[in-house]
Amino acid sequence: MRLAWWYLVAPAAIVAIFMLALNFLSDVLSEMLDPVRRGRA
């Protein structure tokens, strides 16, 4: 059975998007909740 290329690309893209979203969320939460870093650019 020959697998189509999207059987590998689709899950990898979903995982990559999920990891980028978690990274962005952690950055936003860190900026909001850390009073020391709040004043820095």
C-alpha atoms as a PDB file:
ATOM      1  CA  MET A   1       0.000   0.000   0.000  1.00  0.00           C
ATOM      2  CA  ARG A   2       1.403   3.352  -1.043  1.00  0.00           C
ATOM      3  CA  LEU A   3       0.877   6.235   1.371  1.00  0.00           C
ATOM      4  CA  ALA A   4       0.060   9.702   0.211  1.00  0.00           C
ATOM      5  CA  TRP A   5       2.430  12.515   1.179  1.00  0.00           C
ATOM      6  CA  TRP A   6      -0.197  14.272   3.289  1.00  0.00           C
ATOM      7  CA  TYR A   7      -0.342  11.345   5.710  1.00  0.00           C
ATOM      8  CA  LEU A   8       2.974  12.638   7.036  1.00  0.00           C
ATOM      9  CA  VAL A   9       2.604  16.363   6.341  1.00  0.00           C
ATOM     10  CA  ALA A  10      -0.857  16.912   7.869  1.00  0.00           C
ATOM     11  CA  PRO A  11      -0.072  15.574  11.387  1.00  0.00           C
ATOM     12  CA  ALA A  12       3.330  17.295  11.367  1.00  0.00           C
ATOM     13  CA  ALA A  13       1.709  20.612  10.418  1.00  0.00           C
ATOM     14  CA  ILE A  14      -0.929  20.217  13.135  1.00  0.00           C
ATOM     15  CA  VAL A  15       1.734  19.497  15.751  1.00  0.00           C
ATOM     16  CA  ALA A  16       3.851  22.452  14.563  1.00  0.00           C
ATOM     17  CA  ILE A  17       0.871  24.851  14.695  1.00  0.00           C
ATOM     18  CA  PHE A  18      -0.071  23.548  18.142  1.00  0.00           C
ATOM     19  CA  MET A  19       3.477  24.036  19.457  1.00  0.00           C
ATOM     20  CA  LEU A  20       3.659  27.573  18.039  1.00  0.00           C
ATOM     21  CA  ALA A  21       0.314  28.409  19.643  1.00  0.00           C
ATOM     22  CA  LEU A  22       1.484  27.082  23.018  1.00  0.00           C
ATOM     23  CA  ASN A  23       4.707  29.054  22.735  1.00  0.00           C
ATOM     24  CA  PHE A  24       2.790  32.244  21.948  1.00  0.00           C
ATOM     25  CA  LEU A  25       0.357  31.590  24.807  1.00  0.00           C
ATOM     26  CA  SER A  26       3.185  31.015  27.271  1.00  0.00           C
ATOM     27  CA  ASP A  27       4.857  34.261  26.190  1.00  0.00           C
ATOM     28  CA  VAL A  28       1.631  36.217  26.643  1.00  0.00           C
ATOM     29  CA  LEU A  29       0.947  34.674  30.052  1.00  0.00           C
ATOM     30  CA  SER A  30       4.523  35.282  31.131  1.00  0.00           C
ATOM     31  CA  GLU A  31       4.259  38.958  30.182  1.00  0.00           C
ATOM     32  CA  MET A  32       0.933  39.336  31.975  1.00  0.00           C
ATOM     33  CA  LEU A  33       1.809  37.489  35.182  1.00  0.00           C
ATOM     34  CA  ASP A  34       5.467  38.432  35.747  1.00  0.00           C
ATOM     35  CA  PRO A  35       5.646  41.854  37.412  1.00  0.00           C
ATOM     36  CA  VAL A  36       9.425  42.112  36.972  1.00  0.00           C
ATOM     37  CA  ARG A  37       9.319  41.748  33.187  1.00  0.00           C
ATOM     38  CA  ARG A  38       6.175  43.840  32.721  1.00  0.00           C
ATOM     39  CA  GLY A  39       8.018  47.152  32.266  1.00  0.00           C
ATOM     40  CA  ARG A  40      10.579  45.803  29.804  1.00  0.00           C
ATOM     41  CA  ALA A  41      10.226  45.823  26.044  1.00  0.00           C
END
